[in-house]
PDB file of N, CA and C in Angstrom:
ATOM      1  N   MET A   1       0.428 -24.591   0.524  1.00  0.00           N
ATOM      2  CA  MET A   1       0.566 -24.011   1.842  1.00  0.00           C
ATOM      3  C   MET A   1      -0.260 -22.729   1.897  1.00  0.00           C
ATOM      4  N   LEU A   2      -1.078 -22.583   2.909  1.00  0.00           N
ATOM      5  CA  LEU A   2      -1.941 -21.419   3.076  1.00  0.00           C
ATOM      6  C   LEU A   2      -1.289 -20.446   4.044  1.00  0.00           C
ATOM      7  N   HIS A   3      -1.236 -19.169   3.644  1.00  0.00           N
ATOM      8  CA  HIS A   3      -0.651 -18.144   4.493  1.00  0.00           C
ATOM      9  C   HIS A   3      -1.720 -17.119   4.827  1.00  0.00           C
ATOM     10  N   GLU A   4      -1.846 -16.814   6.108  1.00  0.00           N
ATOM     11  CA  GLU A   4      -2.775 -15.771   6.504  1.00  0.00           C
ATOM     12  C   GLU A   4      -2.080 -14.428   6.408  1.00  0.00           C
ATOM     13  N   LEU A   5      -2.861 -13.403   6.042  1.00  0.00           N
ATOM     14  CA  LEU A   5      -2.295 -12.060   6.020  1.00  0.00           C
ATOM     15  C   LEU A   5      -2.141 -11.573   7.436  1.00  0.00           C
ATOM     16  N   GLY A   6      -1.042 -10.991   7.707  1.00  0.00           N
ATOM     17  CA  GLY A   6      -0.730 -10.456   9.022  1.00  0.00           C
ATOM     18  C   GLY A   6       0.759 -10.208   9.088  1.00  0.00           C
ATOM     19  N   PRO A   7       1.223  -9.566  10.112  1.00  0.00           N
ATOM     20  CA  PRO A   7       2.641  -9.212  10.185  1.00  0.00           C
ATOM     21  C   PRO A   7       3.568 -10.417  10.028  1.00  0.00           C
ATOM     22  N   GLU A   8       3.234 -11.555  10.654  1.00  0.00           N
ATOM     23  CA  GLU A   8       4.133 -12.697  10.578  1.00  0.00           C
ATOM     24  C   GLU A   8       3.843 -13.575   9.365  1.00  0.00           C
ATOM     25  N   GLY A   9       2.587 -13.743   9.026  1.00  0.00           N
ATOM     26  CA  GLY A   9       2.227 -14.720   8.011  1.00  0.00           C
ATOM     27  C   GLY A   9       2.066 -14.209   6.602  1.00  0.00           C
ATOM     28  N   ALA A  10       2.026 -12.907   6.420  1.00  0.00           N
ATOM     29  CA  ALA A  10       1.767 -12.379   5.083  1.00  0.00           C
ATOM     30  C   ALA A  10       2.911 -12.645   4.132  1.00  0.00           C
ATOM     31  N   PHE A  11       4.123 -12.651   4.629  1.00  0.00           N
ATOM     32  CA  PHE A  11       5.278 -12.774   3.761  1.00  0.00           C
ATOM     33  C   PHE A  11       6.215 -13.847   4.293  1.00  0.00           C
ATOM     34  N   PRO A  12       5.918 -15.106   3.982  1.00  0.00           N
ATOM     35  CA  PRO A  12       6.755 -16.187   4.495  1.00  0.00           C
ATOM     36  C   PRO A  12       8.181 -16.078   3.959  1.00  0.00           C
ATOM     37  N   ARG A  13       9.111 -16.665   4.678  1.00  0.00           N
ATOM     38  CA  ARG A  13      10.519 -16.598   4.282  1.00  0.00           C
ATOM     39  C   ARG A  13      10.760 -17.260   2.934  1.00  0.00           C
ATOM     40  N   ASN A  14      10.132 -18.373   2.685  1.00  0.00           N
ATOM     41  CA  ASN A  14      10.300 -19.089   1.422  1.00  0.00           C
ATOM     42  C   ASN A  14       9.092 -18.824   0.535  1.00  0.00           C
ATOM     43  N   ASP A  15       9.128 -17.720  -0.187  1.00  0.00           N
ATOM     44  CA  ASP A  15       8.014 -17.364  -1.056  1.00  0.00           C
ATOM     45  C   ASP A  15       7.977 -18.294  -2.253  1.00  0.00           C
ATOM     46  N   ASP A  16       6.834 -18.906  -2.464  1.00  0.00           N
ATOM     47  CA  ASP A  16       6.682 -19.704  -3.668  1.00  0.00           C
ATOM     48  C   ASP A  16       6.032 -18.842  -4.746  1.00  0.00           C
ATOM     49  N   SER A  17       5.949 -19.360  -5.945  1.00  0.00           N
ATOM     50  CA  SER A  17       5.441 -18.558  -7.058  1.00  0.00           C
ATOM     51  C   SER A  17       3.981 -18.164  -6.861  1.00  0.00           C
ATOM     52  N   VAL A  18       3.190 -19.000  -6.210  1.00  0.00           N
ATOM     53  CA  VAL A  18       1.781 -18.666  -5.972  1.00  0.00           C
ATOM     54  C   VAL A  18       1.677 -17.499  -4.994  1.00  0.00           C
ATOM     55  N   THR A  19       2.472 -17.525  -3.952  1.00  0.00           N
ATOM     56  CA  THR A  19       2.467 -16.442  -2.972  1.00  0.00           C
ATOM     57  C   THR A  19       2.935 -15.141  -3.608  1.00  0.00           C
ATOM     58  N   ARG A  20       3.973 -15.238  -4.431  1.00  0.00           N
ATOM     59  CA  ARG A  20       4.484 -14.044  -5.106  1.00  0.00           C
ATOM     60  C   ARG A  20       3.435 -13.472  -6.052  1.00  0.00           C
ATOM     61  N   ALA A  21       2.774 -14.332  -6.804  1.00  0.00           N
ATOM     62  CA  ALA A  21       1.733 -13.872  -7.727  1.00  0.00           C
ATOM     63  C   ALA A  21       0.576 -13.243  -6.962  1.00  0.00           C
ATOM     64  N   ARG A  22       0.202 -13.850  -5.853  1.00  0.00           N
ATOM     65  CA  ARG A  22      -0.890 -13.311  -5.035  1.00  0.00           C
ATOM     66  C   ARG A  22      -0.531 -11.924  -4.515  1.00  0.00           C
ATOM     67  N   THR A  23       0.695 -11.752  -4.063  1.00  0.00           N
ATOM     68  CA  THR A  23       1.143 -10.461  -3.552  1.00  0.00           C
ATOM     69  C   THR A  23       1.135  -9.410  -4.653  1.00  0.00           C
ATOM     70  N   LEU A  24       1.616  -9.769  -5.836  1.00  0.00           N
ATOM     71  CA  LEU A  24       1.602  -8.834  -6.964  1.00  0.00           C
ATOM     72  C   LEU A  24       0.177  -8.443  -7.336  1.00  0.00           C
ATOM     73  N   HIS A  25      -0.729  -9.417  -7.331  1.00  0.00           N
ATOM     74  CA  HIS A  25      -2.131  -9.115  -7.665  1.00  0.00           C
ATOM     75  C   HIS A  25      -2.784  -8.252  -6.588  1.00  0.00           C
ATOM     76  N   LEU A  26      -2.454  -8.506  -5.320  1.00  0.00           N
ATOM     77  CA  LEU A  26      -2.993  -7.664  -4.245  1.00  0.00           C
ATOM     78  C   LEU A  26      -2.515  -6.223  -4.400  1.00  0.00           C
ATOM     79  N   ALA A  27      -1.226  -6.047  -4.664  1.00  0.00           N
ATOM     80  CA  ALA A  27      -0.678  -4.696  -4.839  1.00  0.00           C
ATOM     81  C   ALA A  27      -1.303  -4.022  -6.047  1.00  0.00           C
ATOM     82  N   GLU A  28      -1.485  -4.775  -7.109  1.00  0.00           N
ATOM     83  CA  GLU A  28      -2.149  -4.237  -8.303  1.00  0.00           C
ATOM     84  C   GLU A  28      -3.554  -3.755  -7.942  1.00  0.00           C
ATOM     85  N   GLY A  29      -4.282  -4.559  -7.189  1.00  0.00           N
ATOM     86  CA  GLY A  29      -5.630  -4.185  -6.771  1.00  0.00           C
ATOM     87  C   GLY A  29      -5.654  -2.962  -5.880  1.00  0.00           C
ATOM     88  N   VAL A  30      -4.657  -2.847  -5.001  1.00  0.00           N
ATOM     89  CA  VAL A  30      -4.567  -1.660  -4.133  1.00  0.00           C
ATOM     90  C   VAL A  30      -4.411  -0.408  -4.999  1.00  0.00           C
ATOM     91  N   LEU A  31      -3.505  -0.471  -5.975  1.00  0.00           N
ATOM     92  CA  LEU A  31      -3.291   0.694  -6.829  1.00  0.00           C
ATOM     93  C   LEU A  31      -4.511   0.993  -7.700  1.00  0.00           C
ATOM     94  N   ILE A  32      -5.181  -0.030  -8.189  1.00  0.00           N
ATOM     95  CA  ILE A  32      -6.402   0.190  -8.974  1.00  0.00           C
ATOM     96  C   ILE A  32      -7.442   0.902  -8.115  1.00  0.00           C
ATOM     97  N   GLY A  33      -7.571   0.470  -6.872  1.00  0.00           N
ATOM     98  CA  GLY A  33      -8.527   1.106  -5.969  1.00  0.00           C
ATOM     99  C   GLY A  33      -8.149   2.529  -5.601  1.00  0.00           C
ATOM    100  N   LEU A  34      -6.866   2.760  -5.370  1.00  0.00           N
ATOM    101  CA  LEU A  34      -6.407   4.099  -4.975  1.00  0.00           C
ATOM    102  C   LEU A  34      -6.424   5.080  -6.134  1.00  0.00           C
ATOM    103  N   ARG A  35      -5.952   4.621  -7.276  1.00  0.00           N
ATOM    104  CA  ARG A  35      -5.774   5.502  -8.428  1.00  0.00           C
ATOM    105  C   ARG A  35      -6.937   5.485  -9.417  1.00  0.00           C
ATOM    106  N   ARG A  36      -7.819   4.497  -9.273  1.00  0.00           N
ATOM    107  CA  ARG A  36      -8.909   4.314 -10.247  1.00  0.00           C
ATOM    108  C   ARG A  36      -8.319   4.177 -11.654  1.00  0.00           C
ATOM    109  N   CYS A  37      -7.308   3.313 -11.768  1.00  0.00           N
ATOM    110  CA  CYS A  37      -6.615   3.132 -13.038  1.00  0.00           C
ATOM    111  C   CYS A  37      -6.820   1.712 -13.543  1.00  0.00           C
ATOM    112  N   SER A  38      -6.311   1.443 -14.727  1.00  0.00           N
ATOM    113  CA  SER A  38      -6.415   0.107 -15.316  1.00  0.00           C
ATOM    114  C   SER A  38      -5.363  -0.811 -14.677  1.00  0.00           C
ATOM    115  N   PRO A  39      -5.539  -2.126 -14.807  1.00  0.00           N
ATOM    116  CA  PRO A  39      -4.516  -3.050 -14.303  1.00  0.00           C
ATOM    117  C   PRO A  39      -3.148  -2.809 -14.942  1.00  0.00           C
ATOM    118  N   GLU A  40      -3.140  -2.484 -16.210  1.00  0.00           N
ATOM    119  CA  GLU A  40      -1.872  -2.224 -16.898  1.00  0.00           C
ATOM    120  C   GLU A  40      -1.171  -0.998 -16.313  1.00  0.00           C
ATOM    121  N   GLN A  41      -1.944   0.041 -16.035  1.00  0.00           N
ATOM    122  CA  GLN A  41      -1.370   1.257 -15.445  1.00  0.00           C
ATOM    123  C   GLN A  41      -0.853   0.985 -14.034  1.00  0.00           C
ATOM    124  N   ALA A  42      -1.580   0.166 -13.283  1.00  0.00           N
ATOM    125  CA  ALA A  42      -1.166  -0.153 -11.915  1.00  0.00           C
ATOM    126  C   ALA A  42       0.160  -0.905 -11.920  1.00  0.00           C
ATOM    127  N   ILE A  43       0.291  -1.898 -12.778  1.00  0.00           N
ATOM    128  CA  ILE A  43       1.537  -2.663 -12.850  1.00  0.00           C
ATOM    129  C   ILE A  43       2.674  -1.775 -13.331  1.00  0.00           C
ATOM    130  N   ALA A  44       2.407  -0.928 -14.336  1.00  0.00           N
ATOM    131  CA  ALA A  44       3.444  -0.026 -14.848  1.00  0.00           C
ATOM    132  C   ALA A  44       3.923   0.912 -13.741  1.00  0.00           C
ATOM    133  N   GLU A  45       3.001   1.416 -12.921  1.00  0.00           N
ATOM    134  CA  GLU A  45       3.384   2.306 -11.822  1.00  0.00           C
ATOM    135  C   GLU A  45       4.206   1.558 -10.780  1.00  0.00           C
ATOM    136  N   LEU A  46       3.817   0.335 -10.483  1.00  0.00           N
ATOM    137  CA  LEU A  46       4.543  -0.479  -9.519  1.00  0.00           C
ATOM    138  C   LEU A  46       5.964  -0.772 -10.011  1.00  0.00           C
ATOM    139  N   VAL A  47       6.105  -1.123 -11.283  1.00  0.00           N
ATOM    140  CA  VAL A  47       7.422  -1.400 -11.856  1.00  0.00           C
ATOM    141  C   VAL A  47       8.285  -0.140 -11.839  1.00  0.00           C
ATOM    142  N   ALA A  48       7.719   0.982 -12.276  1.00  0.00           N
ATOM    143  CA  ALA A  48       8.466   2.243 -12.318  1.00  0.00           C
ATOM    144  C   ALA A  48       8.884   2.680 -10.912  1.00  0.00           C
ATOM    145  N   ALA A  49       7.984   2.570  -9.955  1.00  0.00           N
ATOM    146  CA  ALA A  49       8.291   2.971  -8.580  1.00  0.00           C
ATOM    147  C   ALA A  49       9.385   2.080  -7.995  1.00  0.00           C
ATOM    148  N   GLY A  50       9.339   0.797  -8.293  1.00  0.00           N
ATOM    149  CA  GLY A  50      10.378  -0.119  -7.828  1.00  0.00           C
ATOM    150  C   GLY A  50      11.731   0.236  -8.409  1.00  0.00           C
ATOM    151  N   ARG A  51      11.743   0.539  -9.704  1.00  0.00           N
ATOM    152  CA  ARG A  51      13.005   0.938 -10.354  1.00  0.00           C
ATOM    153  C   ARG A  51      13.569   2.207  -9.719  1.00  0.00           C
ATOM    154  N   GLU A  52      12.706   3.193  -9.519  1.00  0.00           N
ATOM    155  CA  GLU A  52      13.148   4.463  -8.925  1.00  0.00           C
ATOM    156  C   GLU A  52      13.732   4.260  -7.526  1.00  0.00           C
ATOM    157  N   ALA A  53      13.155   3.331  -6.789  1.00  0.00           N
ATOM    158  CA  ALA A  53      13.590   3.095  -5.409  1.00  0.00           C
ATOM    159  C   ALA A  53      14.702   2.051  -5.315  1.00  0.00           C
ATOM    160  N   GLY A  54      15.044   1.428  -6.434  1.00  0.00           N
ATOM    161  CA  GLY A  54      16.071   0.386  -6.408  1.00  0.00           C
ATOM    162  C   GLY A  54      15.586  -0.906  -5.783  1.00  0.00           C
ATOM    163  N   LEU A  55      14.273  -1.165  -5.902  1.00  0.00           N
ATOM    164  CA  LEU A  55      13.670  -2.374  -5.349  1.00  0.00           C
ATOM    165  C   LEU A  55      13.084  -3.217  -6.469  1.00  0.00           C
ATOM    166  N   SER A  56      12.978  -4.503  -6.233  1.00  0.00           N
ATOM    167  CA  SER A  56      12.289  -5.343  -7.208  1.00  0.00           C
ATOM    168  C   SER A  56      10.797  -5.022  -7.159  1.00  0.00           C
ATOM    169  N   THR A  57      10.119  -5.327  -8.233  1.00  0.00           N
ATOM    170  CA  THR A  57       8.672  -5.102  -8.283  1.00  0.00           C
ATOM    171  C   THR A  57       7.988  -5.889  -7.177  1.00  0.00           C
ATOM    172  N   TYR A  58       8.436  -7.119  -6.955  1.00  0.00           N
ATOM    173  CA  TYR A  58       7.838  -7.944  -5.916  1.00  0.00           C
ATOM    174  C   TYR A  58       8.050  -7.339  -4.525  1.00  0.00           C
ATOM    175  N   ALA A  59       9.278  -6.873  -4.253  1.00  0.00           N
ATOM    176  CA  ALA A  59       9.547  -6.291  -2.928  1.00  0.00           C
ATOM    177  C   ALA A  59       8.657  -5.080  -2.683  1.00  0.00           C
ATOM    178  N   LEU A  60       8.508  -4.229  -3.696  1.00  0.00           N
ATOM    179  CA  LEU A  60       7.660  -3.048  -3.521  1.00  0.00           C
ATOM    180  C   LEU A  60       6.192  -3.451  -3.401  1.00  0.00           C
ATOM    181  N   ALA A  61       5.770  -4.456  -4.145  1.00  0.00           N
ATOM    182  CA  ALA A  61       4.389  -4.951  -4.037  1.00  0.00           C
ATOM    183  C   ALA A  61       4.133  -5.435  -2.612  1.00  0.00           C
ATOM    184  N   ARG A  62       5.084  -6.188  -2.067  1.00  0.00           N
ATOM    185  CA  ARG A  62       4.965  -6.682  -0.696  1.00  0.00           C
ATOM    186  C   ARG A  62       4.882  -5.510   0.283  1.00  0.00           C
ATOM    187  N   GLY A  63       5.701  -4.491   0.070  1.00  0.00           N
ATOM    188  CA  GLY A  63       5.666  -3.315   0.932  1.00  0.00           C
ATOM    189  C   GLY A  63       4.359  -2.552   0.829  1.00  0.00           C
ATOM    190  N   LEU A  64       3.825  -2.447  -0.388  1.00  0.00           N
ATOM    191  CA  LEU A  64       2.553  -1.749  -0.580  1.00  0.00           C
ATOM    192  C   LEU A  64       1.415  -2.492   0.107  1.00  0.00           C
ATOM    193  N   VAL A  65       1.397  -3.804  -0.013  1.00  0.00           N
ATOM    194  CA  VAL A  65       0.346  -4.596   0.648  1.00  0.00           C
ATOM    195  C   VAL A  65       0.447  -4.434   2.163  1.00  0.00           C
ATOM    196  N   ALA A  66       1.664  -4.444   2.689  1.00  0.00           N
ATOM    197  CA  ALA A  66       1.846  -4.263   4.131  1.00  0.00           C
ATOM    198  C   ALA A  66       1.405  -2.874   4.569  1.00  0.00           C
ATOM    199  N   ALA A  67       1.789  -1.849   3.805  1.00  0.00           N
ATOM    200  CA  ALA A  67       1.399  -0.474   4.158  1.00  0.00           C
ATOM    201  C   ALA A  67      -0.111  -0.293   4.056  1.00  0.00           C
ATOM    202  N   ALA A  68      -0.710  -0.842   3.019  1.00  0.00           N
ATOM    203  CA  ALA A  68      -2.161  -0.711   2.840  1.00  0.00           C
ATOM    204  C   ALA A  68      -2.922  -1.464   3.924  1.00  0.00           C
ATOM    205  N   GLY A  69      -2.343  -2.562   4.398  1.00  0.00           N
ATOM    206  CA  GLY A  69      -2.978  -3.348   5.446  1.00  0.00           C
ATOM    207  C   GLY A  69      -2.802  -2.750   6.830  1.00  0.00           C
ATOM    208  N   GLY A  70      -1.946  -1.747   6.952  1.00  0.00           N
ATOM    209  CA  GLY A  70      -1.737  -1.097   8.239  1.00  0.00           C
ATOM    210  C   GLY A  70      -1.022  -1.957   9.256  1.00  0.00           C
ATOM    211  N   TYR A  71      -0.189  -2.890   8.803  1.00  0.00           N
ATOM    212  CA  TYR A  71       0.524  -3.766   9.729  1.00  0.00           C
ATOM    213  C   TYR A  71       1.502  -2.977  10.571  1.00  0.00           C
ATOM    214  N   GLN A  72       1.540  -3.279  11.858  1.00  0.00           N
ATOM    215  CA  GLN A  72       2.388  -2.553  12.797  1.00  0.00           C
ATOM    216  C   GLN A  72       3.864  -2.661  12.431  1.00  0.00           C
ATOM    217  N   GLY A  73       4.310  -3.822  11.964  1.00  0.00           N
ATOM    218  CA  GLY A  73       5.720  -4.021  11.644  1.00  0.00           C
ATOM    219  C   GLY A  73       6.106  -3.538  10.264  1.00  0.00           C
ATOM    220  N   ALA A  74       5.182  -2.938   9.532  1.00  0.00           N
ATOM    221  CA  ALA A  74       5.454  -2.529   8.155  1.00  0.00           C
ATOM    222  C   ALA A  74       6.549  -1.481   8.077  1.00  0.00           C
ATOM    223  N   THR A  75       6.670  -0.644   9.095  1.00  0.00           N
ATOM    224  CA  THR A  75       7.672   0.422   9.038  1.00  0.00           C
ATOM    225  C   THR A  75       9.089  -0.126   9.131  1.00  0.00           C
ATOM    226  N   ALA A  76       9.255  -1.369   9.578  1.00  0.00           N
ATOM    227  CA  ALA A  76      10.578  -1.976   9.639  1.00  0.00           C
ATOM    228  C   ALA A  76      11.038  -2.446   8.258  1.00  0.00           C
ATOM    229  N   ASP A  77      10.113  -2.624   7.345  1.00  0.00           N
ATOM    230  CA  ASP A  77      10.422  -3.086   5.993  1.00  0.00           C
ATOM    231  C   ASP A  77      10.730  -1.874   5.107  1.00  0.00           C
ATOM    232  N   PRO A  78      11.929  -1.799   4.533  1.00  0.00           N
ATOM    233  CA  PRO A  78      12.265  -0.656   3.681  1.00  0.00           C
ATOM    234  C   PRO A  78      11.288  -0.476   2.514  1.00  0.00           C
ATOM    235  N   ALA A  79      10.813  -1.569   1.948  1.00  0.00           N
ATOM    236  CA  ALA A  79       9.863  -1.474   0.834  1.00  0.00           C
ATOM    237  C   ALA A  79       8.537  -0.882   1.303  1.00  0.00           C
ATOM    238  N   ALA A  80       8.112  -1.214   2.513  1.00  0.00           N
ATOM    239  CA  ALA A  80       6.873  -0.641   3.049  1.00  0.00           C
ATOM    240  C   ALA A  80       7.047   0.852   3.304  1.00  0.00           C
ATOM    241  N   ARG A  81       8.238   1.256   3.723  1.00  0.00           N
ATOM    242  CA  ARG A  81       8.501   2.689   3.916  1.00  0.00           C
ATOM    243  C   ARG A  81       8.454   3.432   2.585  1.00  0.00           C
ATOM    244  N   VAL A  82       9.002   2.825   1.537  1.00  0.00           N
ATOM    245  CA  VAL A  82       8.939   3.436   0.201  1.00  0.00           C
ATOM    246  C   VAL A  82       7.483   3.553  -0.241  1.00  0.00           C
ATOM    247  N   ALA A  83       6.706   2.497  -0.040  1.00  0.00           N
ATOM    248  CA  ALA A  83       5.289   2.515  -0.420  1.00  0.00           C
ATOM    249  C   ALA A  83       4.529   3.571   0.368  1.00  0.00           C
ATOM    250  N   GLU A  84       4.800   3.667   1.648  1.00  0.00           N
ATOM    251  CA  GLU A  84       4.137   4.675   2.487  1.00  0.00           C
ATOM    252  C   GLU A  84       4.502   6.080   2.019  1.00  0.00           C
ATOM    253  N   HIS A  85       5.759   6.288   1.671  1.00  0.00           N
ATOM    254  CA  HIS A  85       6.193   7.601   1.193  1.00  0.00           C
ATOM    255  C   HIS A  85       5.518   7.950  -0.130  1.00  0.00           C
ATOM    256  N   ARG A  86       5.445   6.977  -1.022  1.00  0.00           N
ATOM    257  CA  ARG A  86       4.905   7.238  -2.367  1.00  0.00           C
ATOM    258  C   ARG A  86       3.381   7.318  -2.378  1.00  0.00           C
ATOM    259  N   TRP A  87       2.712   6.406  -1.680  1.00  0.00           N
ATOM    260  CA  TRP A  87       1.249   6.329  -1.754  1.00  0.00           C
ATOM    261  C   TRP A  87       0.564   6.580  -0.417  1.00  0.00           C
ATOM    262  N   GLY A  88       1.303   7.018   0.583  1.00  0.00           N
ATOM    263  CA  GLY A  88       0.752   7.173   1.928  1.00  0.00           C
ATOM    264  C   GLY A  88      -0.455   8.086   2.019  1.00  0.00           C
ATOM    265  N   ALA A  89      -0.426   9.193   1.288  1.00  0.00           N
ATOM    266  CA  ALA A  89      -1.561  10.127   1.333  1.00  0.00           C
ATOM    267  C   ALA A  89      -2.830   9.473   0.811  1.00  0.00           C
ATOM    268  N   LEU A  90      -2.671   8.565  -0.142  1.00  0.00           N
ATOM    269  CA  LEU A  90      -3.837   7.867  -0.691  1.00  0.00           C
ATOM    270  C   LEU A  90      -4.293   6.739   0.224  1.00  0.00           C
ATOM    271  N   LEU A  91      -3.388   6.216   1.026  1.00  0.00           N
ATOM    272  CA  LEU A  91      -3.714   5.103   1.921  1.00  0.00           C
ATOM    273  C   LEU A  91      -4.453   5.547   3.173  1.00  0.00           C
ATOM    274  N   ARG A  92      -4.244   6.788   3.588  1.00  0.00           N
ATOM    275  CA  ARG A  92      -4.890   7.277   4.805  1.00  0.00           C
ATOM    276  C   ARG A  92      -6.347   7.646   4.506  1.00  0.00           C
ATOM    277  N   PRO A  93      -7.232   7.368   5.444  1.00  0.00           N
ATOM    278  CA  PRO A  93      -8.637   7.729   5.226  1.00  0.00           C
ATOM    279  C   PRO A  93      -8.801   9.243   5.166  1.00  0.00           C
ATOM    280  N   PRO A  94      -9.750   9.697   4.353  1.00  0.00           N
ATOM    281  CA  PRO A  94      -9.981  11.146   4.275  1.00  0.00           C
ATOM    282  C   PRO A  94     -10.560  11.678   5.580  1.00  0.00           C
ATOM    283  N   VAL A  95     -10.323  12.948   5.816  1.00  0.00           N
ATOM    284  CA  VAL A  95     -10.866  13.609   7.005  1.00  0.00           C
ATOM    285  C   VAL A  95     -12.353  13.840   6.758  1.00  0.00           C
ATOM    286  N   PRO A  96     -13.214  13.394   7.661  1.00  0.00           N
ATOM    287  CA  PRO A  96     -14.645  13.595   7.463  1.00  0.00           C
ATOM    288  C   PRO A  96     -14.997  15.082   7.461  1.00  0.00           C
ATOM    289  N   PRO A  97     -15.987  15.493   6.664  1.00  0.00           N
ATOM    290  CA  PRO A  97     -16.375  16.912   6.611  1.00  0.00           C
ATOM    291  C   PRO A  97     -16.765  17.474   7.969  1.00  0.00           C
ATOM    292  N   SER A  98     -17.365  16.663   8.822  1.00  0.00           N
ATOM    293  CA  SER A  98     -17.784  17.158  10.140  1.00  0.00           C
ATOM    294  C   SER A  98     -16.590  17.581  10.983  1.00  0.00           C
ATOM    295  N   ALA A  99     -15.425  16.957  10.790  1.00  0.00           N
ATOM    296  CA  ALA A  99     -14.236  17.325  11.565  1.00  0.00           C
ATOM    297  C   ALA A  99     -13.734  18.706  11.148  1.00  0.00           C
ATOM    298  N   THR A 100     -13.863  19.031   9.867  1.00  0.00           N
ATOM    299  CA  THR A 100     -13.407  20.343   9.424  1.00  0.00           C
ATOM    300  C   THR A 100     -14.427  21.422   9.763  1.00  0.00           C
ATOM    301  N   LEU A 101     -15.699  21.061   9.812  1.00  0.00           N
ATOM    302  CA  LEU A 101     -16.739  22.031  10.149  1.00  0.00           C
ATOM    303  C   LEU A 101     -16.665  22.441  11.616  1.00  0.00           C
ATOM    304  N   SER A 102     -16.346  21.489  12.476  1.00  0.00           N
ATOM    305  CA  SER A 102     -16.310  21.814  13.903  1.00  0.00           C
ATOM    306  C   SER A 102     -15.133  22.730  14.235  1.00  0.00           C
ATOM    307  N   ALA A 103     -14.109  22.735  13.389  1.00  0.00           N
ATOM    308  CA  ALA A 103     -12.947  23.588  13.630  1.00  0.00           C
ATOM    309  C   ALA A 103     -13.153  24.992  13.030  1.00  0.00           C
ATOM    310  N   ALA A 104     -14.207  25.180  12.263  1.00  0.00           N
ATOM    311  CA  ALA A 104     -14.437  26.477  11.623  1.00  0.00           C
ATOM    312  C   ALA A 104     -14.860  27.508  12.685  1.00  0.00           C
ATOM    313  N   PRO A 105     -14.377  28.740  12.526  1.00  0.00           N
ATOM    314  CA  PRO A 105     -14.762  29.765  13.508  1.00  0.00           C
ATOM    315  C   PRO A 105     -16.242  30.117  13.374  1.00  0.00           C
ATOM    316  N   THR A 106     -16.843  30.460  14.476  1.00  0.00           N
ATOM    317  CA  THR A 106     -18.248  30.843  14.464  1.00  0.00           C
ATOM    318  C   THR A 106     -18.347  32.356  14.416  1.00  0.00           C
ATOM    319  N   SER A 107     -19.373  32.834  13.759  1.00  0.00           N
ATOM    320  CA  SER A 107     -19.546  34.291  13.669  1.00  0.00           C
ATOM    321  C   SER A 107     -20.314  34.775  14.895  1.00  0.00           C
ATOM    322  N   MET A 108     -20.093  35.996  15.245  1.00  0.00           N
ATOM    323  CA  MET A 108     -20.776  36.566  16.394  1.00  0.00           C
ATOM    324  C   MET A 108     -21.807  37.547  15.853  1.00  0.00           C
ATOM    325  N   ALA A 109     -23.045  37.147  15.864  1.00  0.00           N
ATOM    326  CA  ALA A 109     -24.104  37.982  15.307  1.00  0.00           C
ATOM    327  C   ALA A 109     -24.834  38.756  16.352  1.00  0.00           C
TER     328      ALA A 109
END
C-alpha cells in the first residue's frame, strides 16, 4: 500500500512495519540534516527524547516528520508538539542577513 505524505495520508491508522520503518528513517534523516550528526547519534537522540517525553520512538518520529513537513494539522498531534518544542528552532528557516541589515539604524553624517 502506497501512502502519500500529507496531513491525512502520512500516518495511516493501520501502520504496517514498512510504513513504521519509513517514518523512523525519515525522522533519522531530519535529525542528521538538522544536527549534522551520524545515524547512530540521530537514533539515540530520538530514543532519548521519546523517553523524556513519555512517547514511543515511533510516535516521536512521526511527530518530527510532521513538524518538519510543516503540516497544518501537526499541532493537534502531541508528538508533533513535543518535536516542535525540542527541535523547532532548528526546523525554522534562518533569518536572511538582508532582513537584519534593513532593521539596523542608519548613521546621520
